[in-house]
Structures are given as C-alpha cells and as structure tokens.
Amino acid sequence: TLEDCYRLAREHYPIVQKLDLITKSEDYTL
C-alpha cells in the first residue's frame, strides 16, 4: 500500500540516522 511505502521509505532513508545522532549530541550537551 501507499502507507507501507511511506513507512518503509522513512525507515530506509539515510537521513533518518541523523535523528539518533542529534539525540546523542543533545545528551552530551545537557
């Protein structure tokens, strides 16, 4: 389905990995 494609694209898109990096950076700053 189209919603499946949205979900899979979000999980697979490389830029999503930056979310974890930003969270870790925030933890170090705090």
Full PDB file with SEQRES, HELIX, SHEET, SSBOND, CRYST1, ORIGX, SCALE, CONECT and MASTER records, all heavy atoms in Angstrom:
SEQRES   1 A   30  THR LEU GLU ASP CYS TYR ARG LEU ALA ARG GLU HIS TYR          
SEQRES   2 A   30  PRO ILE VAL GLN LYS LEU ASP LEU ILE THR LYS SER GLU          
SEQRES   3 A   30  ASP TYR THR LEU                                              
HELIX    1 AA1 LEU A    2  HIS A   12  1                                  11    
HELIX    2 AA2 PRO A   14  VAL A   16  5                                   3    
HELIX    3 AA3 GLN A   17  THR A   29  1                                  13    
CRYST1    1.000    1.000    1.000  90.00  90.00  90.00 P 1           1          
ORIGX1      1.000000  0.000000  0.000000        0.00000                         
ORIGX2      0.000000  1.000000  0.000000        0.00000                         
ORIGX3      0.000000  0.000000  1.000000        0.00000                         
SCALE1      1.000000  0.000000  0.000000        0.00000                         
SCALE2      0.000000  1.000000  0.000000        0.00000                         
SCALE3      0.000000  0.000000  1.000000        0.00000                         
ATOM      1  N   THR A   1       0.840  -1.197   0.000  1.00  0.00           N  
ATOM      2  CA  THR A   1       0.000   0.000   0.000  1.00  0.00           C  
ATOM      3  C   THR A   1       0.876   1.248   0.000  1.00  0.00           C  
ATOM      4  O   THR A   1       2.087   1.188   0.244  1.00  0.00           O  
ATOM      5  CB  THR A   1      -0.921   0.031   1.231  1.00  0.00           C  
ATOM      6  OG1 THR A   1      -0.119   0.175   2.413  1.00  0.00           O  
ATOM      7  CG2 THR A   1      -1.739  -1.257   1.317  1.00  0.00           C  
ATOM      8  N   LEU A   2       0.241   2.367  -0.243  1.00  0.00           N  
ATOM      9  CA  LEU A   2       0.965   3.636  -0.228  1.00  0.00           C  
ATOM     10  C   LEU A   2       1.508   3.927   1.169  1.00  0.00           C  
ATOM     11  O   LEU A   2       2.640   4.415   1.321  1.00  0.00           O  
ATOM     12  CB  LEU A   2       0.044   4.764  -0.696  1.00  0.00           C  
ATOM     13  CG  LEU A   2       0.660   6.169  -0.762  1.00  0.00           C  
ATOM     14  CD1 LEU A   2       1.881   6.193  -1.672  1.00  0.00           C  
ATOM     15  CD2 LEU A   2      -0.380   7.183  -1.242  1.00  0.00           C  
ATOM     16  N   GLU A   3       0.729   3.624   2.210  1.00  0.00           N  
ATOM     17  CA  GLU A   3       1.189   3.849   3.585  1.00  0.00           C  
ATOM     18  C   GLU A   3       2.380   2.961   3.915  1.00  0.00           C  
ATOM     19  O   GLU A   3       3.295   3.375   4.646  1.00  0.00           O  
ATOM     20  CB  GLU A   3       0.046   3.595   4.574  1.00  0.00           C  
ATOM     21  CG  GLU A   3      -1.086   4.609   4.495  1.00  0.00           C  
ATOM     22  CD  GLU A   3      -0.610   6.029   4.787  1.00  0.00           C  
ATOM     23  OE1 GLU A   3       0.293   6.204   5.632  1.00  0.00           O  
ATOM     24  OE2 GLU A   3      -1.145   6.964   4.154  1.00  0.00           O  
ATOM     25  N   ASP A   4       2.380   1.728   3.375  1.00  0.00           N  
ATOM     26  CA  ASP A   4       3.544   0.851   3.551  1.00  0.00           C  
ATOM     27  C   ASP A   4       4.791   1.493   2.946  1.00  0.00           C  
ATOM     28  O   ASP A   4       5.876   1.461   3.542  1.00  0.00           O  
ATOM     29  CB  ASP A   4       3.301  -0.507   2.889  1.00  0.00           C  
ATOM     30  CG  ASP A   4       2.250  -1.332   3.612  1.00  0.00           C  
ATOM     31  OD1 ASP A   4       2.051  -1.095   4.814  1.00  0.00           O  
ATOM     32  OD2 ASP A   4       1.631  -2.198   2.964  1.00  0.00           O  
ATOM     33  N   CYS A   5       4.630   2.072   1.772  1.00  0.00           N  
ATOM     34  CA  CYS A   5       5.761   2.713   1.100  1.00  0.00           C  
ATOM     35  C   CYS A   5       6.265   3.910   1.901  1.00  0.00           C  
ATOM     36  O   CYS A   5       7.476   4.123   2.019  1.00  0.00           O  
ATOM     37  CB  CYS A   5       5.367   3.144  -0.315  1.00  0.00           C  
ATOM     38  SG  CYS A   5       5.068   1.763  -1.447  1.00  0.00           S  
ATOM     39  N   TYR A   6       5.344   4.696   2.440  1.00  0.00           N  
ATOM     40  CA  TYR A   6       5.745   5.829   3.287  1.00  0.00           C  
ATOM     41  C   TYR A   6       6.575   5.342   4.475  1.00  0.00           C  
ATOM     42  O   TYR A   6       7.625   5.901   4.800  1.00  0.00           O  
ATOM     43  CB  TYR A   6       4.514   6.580   3.794  1.00  0.00           C  
ATOM     44  CG  TYR A   6       3.793   7.423   2.767  1.00  0.00           C  
ATOM     45  CD1 TYR A   6       2.471   7.800   2.948  1.00  0.00           C  
ATOM     46  CD2 TYR A   6       4.445   7.856   1.615  1.00  0.00           C  
ATOM     47  CE1 TYR A   6       1.804   8.581   2.017  1.00  0.00           C  
ATOM     48  CE2 TYR A   6       3.785   8.635   0.677  1.00  0.00           C  
ATOM     49  CZ  TYR A   6       2.468   8.997   0.882  1.00  0.00           C  
ATOM     50  OH  TYR A   6       1.812   9.780  -0.034  1.00  0.00           O  
ATOM     51  N   ARG A   7       6.066   4.300   5.134  1.00  0.00           N  
ATOM     52  CA  ARG A   7       6.736   3.795   6.340  1.00  0.00           C  
ATOM     53  C   ARG A   7       8.117   3.215   6.003  1.00  0.00           C  
ATOM     54  O   ARG A   7       9.114   3.524   6.683  1.00  0.00           O  
ATOM     55  CB  ARG A   7       5.863   2.723   7.001  1.00  0.00           C  
ATOM     56  CG  ARG A   7       6.507   2.044   8.197  1.00  0.00           C  
ATOM     57  CD  ARG A   7       5.568   1.007   8.796  1.00  0.00           C  
ATOM     58  NE  ARG A   7       5.079   0.068   7.804  1.00  0.00           N  
ATOM     59  CZ  ARG A   7       5.775  -0.990   7.382  1.00  0.00           C  
ATOM     60  NH1 ARG A   7       6.991  -1.224   7.858  1.00  0.00           N  
ATOM     61  NH2 ARG A   7       5.259  -1.810   6.483  1.00  0.00           N  
ATOM     62  N   LEU A   8       8.184   2.408   4.959  1.00  0.00           N  
ATOM     63  CA  LEU A   8       9.453   1.778   4.584  1.00  0.00           C  
ATOM     64  C   LEU A   8      10.468   2.825   4.114  1.00  0.00           C  
ATOM     65  O   LEU A   8      11.658   2.722   4.419  1.00  0.00           O  
ATOM     66  CB  LEU A   8       9.219   0.738   3.488  1.00  0.00           C  
ATOM     67  CG  LEU A   8       8.441  -0.510   3.919  1.00  0.00           C  
ATOM     68  CD1 LEU A   8       8.096  -1.368   2.704  1.00  0.00           C  
ATOM     69  CD2 LEU A   8       9.242  -1.321   4.930  1.00  0.00           C  
ATOM     70  N   ALA A   9       9.989   3.827   3.383  1.00  0.00           N  
ATOM     71  CA  ALA A   9      10.895   4.873   2.903  1.00  0.00           C  
ATOM     72  C   ALA A   9      11.478   5.646   4.080  1.00  0.00           C  
ATOM     73  O   ALA A   9      12.669   5.992   4.078  1.00  0.00           O  
ATOM     74  CB  ALA A   9      10.156   5.820   1.961  1.00  0.00           C  
ATOM     75  N   ARG A  10      10.663   5.914   5.081  1.00  0.00           N  
ATOM     76  CA  ARG A  10      11.154   6.628   6.263  1.00  0.00           C  
ATOM     77  C   ARG A  10      12.214   5.801   6.996  1.00  0.00           C  
ATOM     78  O   ARG A  10      13.230   6.319   7.441  1.00  0.00           O  
ATOM     79  CB  ARG A  10       9.993   6.944   7.204  1.00  0.00           C  
ATOM     80  CG  ARG A  10      10.412   7.676   8.472  1.00  0.00           C  
ATOM     81  CD  ARG A  10       9.259   7.867   9.437  1.00  0.00           C  
ATOM     82  NE  ARG A  10       9.713   8.501  10.665  1.00  0.00           N  
ATOM     83  CZ  ARG A  10       9.767   9.821  10.855  1.00  0.00           C  
ATOM     84  NH1 ARG A  10       9.371  10.636   9.915  1.00  0.00           N  
ATOM     85  NH2 ARG A  10      10.213  10.312  12.006  1.00  0.00           N  
ATOM     86  N   GLU A  11      11.960   4.490   7.117  1.00  0.00           N  
ATOM     87  CA  GLU A  11      12.914   3.632   7.818  1.00  0.00           C  
ATOM     88  C   GLU A  11      14.215   3.477   7.038  1.00  0.00           C  
ATOM     89  O   GLU A  11      15.290   3.342   7.645  1.00  0.00           O  
ATOM     90  CB  GLU A  11      12.286   2.250   8.045  1.00  0.00           C  
ATOM     91  CG  GLU A  11      11.084   2.265   8.983  1.00  0.00           C  
ATOM     92  CD  GLU A  11      10.390   0.928   9.040  1.00  0.00           C  
ATOM     93  OE1 GLU A  11      10.808   0.006   8.288  1.00  0.00           O  
ATOM     94  OE2 GLU A  11       9.421   0.776   9.820  1.00  0.00           O  
ATOM     95  N   HIS A  12      14.131   3.509   5.721  1.00  0.00           N  
ATOM     96  CA  HIS A  12      15.300   3.221   4.885  1.00  0.00           C  
ATOM     97  C   HIS A  12      16.091   4.463   4.506  1.00  0.00           C  
ATOM     98  O   HIS A  12      17.289   4.360   4.216  1.00  0.00           O  
ATOM     99  CB  HIS A  12      14.832   2.496   3.611  1.00  0.00           C  
ATOM    100  CG  HIS A  12      15.949   2.109   2.694  1.00  0.00           C  
ATOM    101  ND1 HIS A  12      16.874   1.141   3.008  1.00  0.00           N  
ATOM    102  CD2 HIS A  12      16.296   2.573   1.456  1.00  0.00           C  
ATOM    103  CE1 HIS A  12      17.740   1.017   2.011  1.00  0.00           C  
ATOM    104  NE2 HIS A  12      17.423   1.866   1.068  1.00  0.00           N  
ATOM    105  N   TYR A  13      15.453   5.628   4.526  1.00  0.00           N  
ATOM    106  CA  TYR A  13      16.124   6.839   4.044  1.00  0.00           C  
ATOM    107  C   TYR A  13      17.317   7.161   4.952  1.00  0.00           C  
ATOM    108  O   TYR A  13      17.182   7.226   6.173  1.00  0.00           O  
ATOM    109  CB  TYR A  13      15.135   8.003   4.044  1.00  0.00           C  
ATOM    110  CG  TYR A  13      15.467   9.084   3.039  1.00  0.00           C  
ATOM    111  CD1 TYR A  13      15.709   8.784   1.714  1.00  0.00           C  
ATOM    112  CD2 TYR A  13      15.531  10.417   3.420  1.00  0.00           C  
ATOM    113  CE1 TYR A  13      15.996   9.767   0.783  1.00  0.00           C  
ATOM    114  CE2 TYR A  13      15.821  11.419   2.497  1.00  0.00           C  
ATOM    115  CZ  TYR A  13      16.053  11.074   1.187  1.00  0.00           C  
ATOM    116  OH  TYR A  13      16.345  12.057   0.274  1.00  0.00           O  
ATOM    117  N   PRO A  14      18.512   7.376   4.373  1.00  0.00           N  
ATOM    118  CA  PRO A  14      19.733   7.547   5.186  1.00  0.00           C  
ATOM    119  C   PRO A  14      19.652   8.678   6.204  1.00  0.00           C  
ATOM    120  O   PRO A  14      20.230   8.581   7.288  1.00  0.00           O  
ATOM    121  CB  PRO A  14      20.817   7.829   4.133  1.00  0.00           C  
ATOM    122  CG  PRO A  14      20.297   7.216   2.879  1.00  0.00           C  
ATOM    123  CD  PRO A  14      18.806   7.381   2.935  1.00  0.00           C  
ATOM    124  N   ILE A  15      18.933   9.740   5.875  1.00  0.00           N  
ATOM    125  CA  ILE A  15      18.931  10.913   6.755  1.00  0.00           C  
ATOM    126  C   ILE A  15      18.274  10.617   8.102  1.00  0.00           C  
ATOM    127  O   ILE A  15      18.506  11.342   9.088  1.00  0.00           O  
ATOM    128  CB  ILE A  15      18.227  12.091   6.055  1.00  0.00           C  
ATOM    129  CG1 ILE A  15      18.650  13.417   6.689  1.00  0.00           C  
ATOM    130  CG2 ILE A  15      16.718  11.946   6.107  1.00  0.00           C  
ATOM    131  CD1 ILE A  15      18.150  14.623   5.943  1.00  0.00           C  
ATOM    132  N   VAL A  16      17.479   9.521   8.184  1.00  0.00           N  
ATOM    133  CA  VAL A  16      16.827   9.166   9.447  1.00  0.00           C  
ATOM    134  C   VAL A  16      17.870   8.857  10.524  1.00  0.00           C  
ATOM    135  O   VAL A  16      17.644   9.084  11.718  1.00  0.00           O  
ATOM    136  CB  VAL A  16      15.884   7.961   9.239  1.00  0.00           C  
ATOM    137  CG1 VAL A  16      15.311   7.473  10.553  1.00  0.00           C  
ATOM    138  CG2 VAL A  16      14.748   8.345   8.300  1.00  0.00           C  
ATOM    139  N   GLN A  17      19.031   8.345  10.101  1.00  0.00           N  
ATOM    140  CA  GLN A  17      20.080   8.025  11.072  1.00  0.00           C  
ATOM    141  C   GLN A  17      20.538   9.262  11.837  1.00  0.00           C  
ATOM    142  O   GLN A  17      21.037   9.149  12.971  1.00  0.00           O  
ATOM    143  CB  GLN A  17      21.264   7.382  10.348  1.00  0.00           C  
ATOM    144  CG  GLN A  17      20.917   6.087   9.629  1.00  0.00           C  
ATOM    145  CD  GLN A  17      22.060   5.548   8.800  1.00  0.00           C  
ATOM    146  OE1 GLN A  17      23.155   6.108   8.794  1.00  0.00           O  
ATOM    147  NE2 GLN A  17      21.828   4.462   8.098  1.00  0.00           N  
ATOM    148  N   LYS A  18      20.367  10.438  11.248  1.00  0.00           N  
ATOM    149  CA  LYS A  18      20.788  11.666  11.929  1.00  0.00           C  
ATOM    150  C   LYS A  18      19.941  11.953  13.161  1.00  0.00           C  
ATOM    151  O   LYS A  18      20.392  12.665  14.064  1.00  0.00           O  
ATOM    152  CB  LYS A  18      20.724  12.845  10.957  1.00  0.00           C  
ATOM    153  CG  LYS A  18      21.728  12.772   9.820  1.00  0.00           C  
ATOM    154  CD  LYS A  18      21.616  13.966   8.891  1.00  0.00           C  
ATOM    155  CE  LYS A  18      22.021  15.251   9.579  1.00  0.00           C  
ATOM    156  NZ  LYS A  18      22.005  16.400   8.638  1.00  0.00           N  
ATOM    157  N   LEU A  19      18.725  11.409  13.220  1.00  0.00           N  
ATOM    158  CA  LEU A  19      17.875  11.640  14.398  1.00  0.00           C  
ATOM    159  C   LEU A  19      18.545  11.090  15.652  1.00  0.00           C  
ATOM    160  O   LEU A  19      18.553  11.744  16.703  1.00  0.00           O  
ATOM    161  CB  LEU A  19      16.505  10.997  14.189  1.00  0.00           C  
ATOM    162  CG  LEU A  19      15.602  11.644  13.133  1.00  0.00           C  
ATOM    163  CD1 LEU A  19      14.346  10.808  12.908  1.00  0.00           C  
ATOM    164  CD2 LEU A  19      15.220  13.060  13.543  1.00  0.00           C  
ATOM    165  N   ASP A  20      19.113   9.873  15.548  1.00  0.00           N  
ATOM    166  CA  ASP A  20      19.808   9.297  16.703  1.00  0.00           C  
ATOM    167  C   ASP A  20      21.061  10.096  17.045  1.00  0.00           C  
ATOM    168  O   ASP A  20      21.387  10.289  18.222  1.00  0.00           O  
ATOM    169  CB  ASP A  20      20.190   7.844  16.418  1.00  0.00           C  
ATOM    170  CG  ASP A  20      18.977   6.931  16.370  1.00  0.00           C  
ATOM    171  OD1 ASP A  20      17.956   7.283  16.997  1.00  0.00           O  
ATOM    172  OD2 ASP A  20      19.041   5.881  15.709  1.00  0.00           O  
ATOM    173  N   LEU A  21      21.761  10.568  16.016  1.00  0.00           N  
ATOM    174  CA  LEU A  21      22.977  11.348  16.260  1.00  0.00           C  
ATOM    175  C   LEU A  21      22.650  12.661  16.969  1.00  0.00           C  
ATOM    176  O   LEU A  21      23.379  13.092  17.869  1.00  0.00           O  
ATOM    177  CB  LEU A  21      23.694  11.623  14.937  1.00  0.00           C  
ATOM    178  CG  LEU A  21      24.184  10.388  14.159  1.00  0.00           C  
ATOM    179  CD1 LEU A  21      24.823  10.811  12.840  1.00  0.00           C  
ATOM    180  CD2 LEU A  21      25.169   9.593  14.997  1.00  0.00           C  
ATOM    181  N   ILE A  22      21.550  13.287  16.561  1.00  0.00           N  
ATOM    182  CA  ILE A  22      21.145  14.545  17.204  1.00  0.00           C  
ATOM    183  C   ILE A  22      20.771  14.297  18.663  1.00  0.00           C  
ATOM    184  O   ILE A  22      21.123  15.083  19.551  1.00  0.00           O  
ATOM    185  CB  ILE A  22      19.974  15.175  16.432  1.00  0.00           C  
ATOM    186  CG1 ILE A  22      20.434  15.625  15.037  1.00  0.00           C  
ATOM    187  CG2 ILE A  22      19.395  16.360  17.201  1.00  0.00           C  
ATOM    188  CD1 ILE A  22      19.308  16.086  14.140  1.00  0.00           C  
ATOM    189  N   THR A  23      20.071  13.191  18.932  1.00  0.00           N  
ATOM    190  CA  THR A  23      19.688  12.862  20.306  1.00  0.00           C  
ATOM    191  C   THR A  23      20.923  12.630  21.177  1.00  0.00           C  
ATOM    192  O   THR A  23      21.002  13.122  22.314  1.00  0.00           O  
ATOM    193  CB  THR A  23      18.794  11.612  20.323  1.00  0.00           C  
ATOM    194  OG1 THR A  23      17.611  11.869  19.557  1.00  0.00           O  
ATOM    195  CG2 THR A  23      18.397  11.249  21.746  1.00  0.00           C  
ATOM    196  N   LYS A  24      21.889  11.900  20.643  1.00  0.00           N  
ATOM    197  CA  LYS A  24      23.114  11.656  21.416  1.00  0.00           C  
ATOM    198  C   LYS A  24      23.874  12.949  21.660  1.00  0.00           C  
ATOM    199  O   LYS A  24      24.399  13.182  22.754  1.00  0.00           O  
ATOM    200  CB  LYS A  24      24.003  10.662  20.665  1.00  0.00           C  
ATOM    201  CG  LYS A  24      23.429   9.250  20.611  1.00  0.00           C  
ATOM    202  CD  LYS A  24      24.335   8.308  19.833  1.00  0.00           C  
ATOM    203  CE  LYS A  24      23.748   6.903  19.775  1.00  0.00           C  
ATOM    204  NZ  LYS A  24      24.600   5.976  18.992  1.00  0.00           N  
ATOM    205  N   SER A  25      23.941  13.795  20.646  1.00  0.00           N  
ATOM    206  CA  SER A  25      24.615  15.082  20.806  1.00  0.00           C  
ATOM    207  C   SER A  25      23.925  15.929  21.873  1.00  0.00           C  
ATOM    208  O   SER A  25      24.587  16.592  22.688  1.00  0.00           O  
ATOM    209  CB  SER A  25      24.633  15.828  19.461  1.00  0.00           C  
ATOM    210  OG  SER A  25      25.223  17.095  19.601  1.00  0.00           O  
ATOM    211  N   GLU A  26      22.596  15.911  21.872  1.00  0.00           N  
ATOM    212  CA  GLU A  26      21.841  16.652  22.889  1.00  0.00           C  
ATOM    213  C   GLU A  26      22.146  16.124  24.288  1.00  0.00           C  
ATOM    214  O   GLU A  26      22.329  16.905  25.238  1.00  0.00           O  
ATOM    215  CB  GLU A  26      20.343  16.542  22.602  1.00  0.00           C  
ATOM    216  CG  GLU A  26      19.469  17.240  23.632  1.00  0.00           C  
ATOM    217  CD  GLU A  26      17.993  16.975  23.408  1.00  0.00           C  
ATOM    218  OE1 GLU A  26      17.647  16.331  22.396  1.00  0.00           O  
ATOM    219  OE2 GLU A  26      17.180  17.396  24.252  1.00  0.00           O  
ATOM    220  N   ASP A  27      22.216  14.793  24.431  1.00  0.00           N  
ATOM    221  CA  ASP A  27      22.508  14.201  25.741  1.00  0.00           C  
ATOM    222  C   ASP A  27      23.878  14.644  26.250  1.00  0.00           C  
ATOM    223  O   ASP A  27      24.031  14.974  27.438  1.00  0.00           O  
ATOM    224  CB  ASP A  27      22.456  12.671  25.638  1.00  0.00           C  
ATOM    225  CG  ASP A  27      21.043  12.155  25.394  1.00  0.00           C  
ATOM    226  OD1 ASP A  27      20.084  12.912  25.669  1.00  0.00           O  
ATOM    227  OD2 ASP A  27      20.904  11.017  24.915  1.00  0.00           O  
ATOM    228  N   TYR A  28      24.871  14.669  25.359  1.00  0.00           N  
ATOM    229  CA  TYR A  28      26.212  15.103  25.770  1.00  0.00           C  
ATOM    230  C   TYR A  28      26.211  16.579  26.174  1.00  0.00           C  
ATOM    231  O   TYR A  28      26.848  16.969  27.158  1.00  0.00           O  
ATOM    232  CB  TYR A  28      27.209  14.874  24.632  1.00  0.00           C  
ATOM    233  CG  TYR A  28      27.610  13.427  24.448  1.00  0.00           C  
ATOM    234  CD1 TYR A  28      27.516  12.820  23.200  1.00  0.00           C  
ATOM    235  CD2 TYR A  28      28.080  12.676  25.514  1.00  0.00           C  
ATOM    236  CE1 TYR A  28      27.873  11.493  23.024  1.00  0.00           C  
ATOM    237  CE2 TYR A  28      28.432  11.347  25.348  1.00  0.00           C  
ATOM    238  CZ  TYR A  28      28.337  10.760  24.100  1.00  0.00           C  
ATOM    239  OH  TYR A  28      28.691   9.447  23.938  1.00  0.00           O  
ATOM    240  N   THR A  29      25.496  17.391  25.401  1.00  0.00           N  
ATOM    241  CA  THR A  29      25.445  18.826  25.719  1.00  0.00           C  
ATOM    242  C   THR A  29      24.780  19.076  27.065  1.00  0.00           C  
ATOM    243  O   THR A  29      25.257  19.890  27.868  1.00  0.00           O  
ATOM    244  CB  THR A  29      24.684  19.583  24.608  1.00  0.00           C  
ATOM    245  OG1 THR A  29      25.321  19.347  23.351  1.00  0.00           O  
ATOM    246  CG2 THR A  29      24.687  21.076  24.878  1.00  0.00           C  
ATOM    247  N   LEU A  30      23.676  18.374  27.337  1.00  0.00           N  
ATOM    248  CA  LEU A  30      22.989  18.532  28.618  1.00  0.00           C  
ATOM    249  C   LEU A  30      23.855  18.028  29.771  1.00  0.00           C  
ATOM    250  O   LEU A  30      23.876  18.634  30.850  1.00  0.00           O  
ATOM    251  CB  LEU A  30      21.659  17.777  28.589  1.00  0.00           C  
ATOM    252  CG  LEU A  30      20.596  18.319  27.629  1.00  0.00           C  
ATOM    253  CD1 LEU A  30      19.356  17.427  27.655  1.00  0.00           C  
ATOM    254  CD2 LEU A  30      20.218  19.742  27.983  1.00  0.00           C  
TER     255      LEU A  30                                                      
MASTER        0    0    0    3    0    0    0    6  254    1    0    3          
END                                                                             
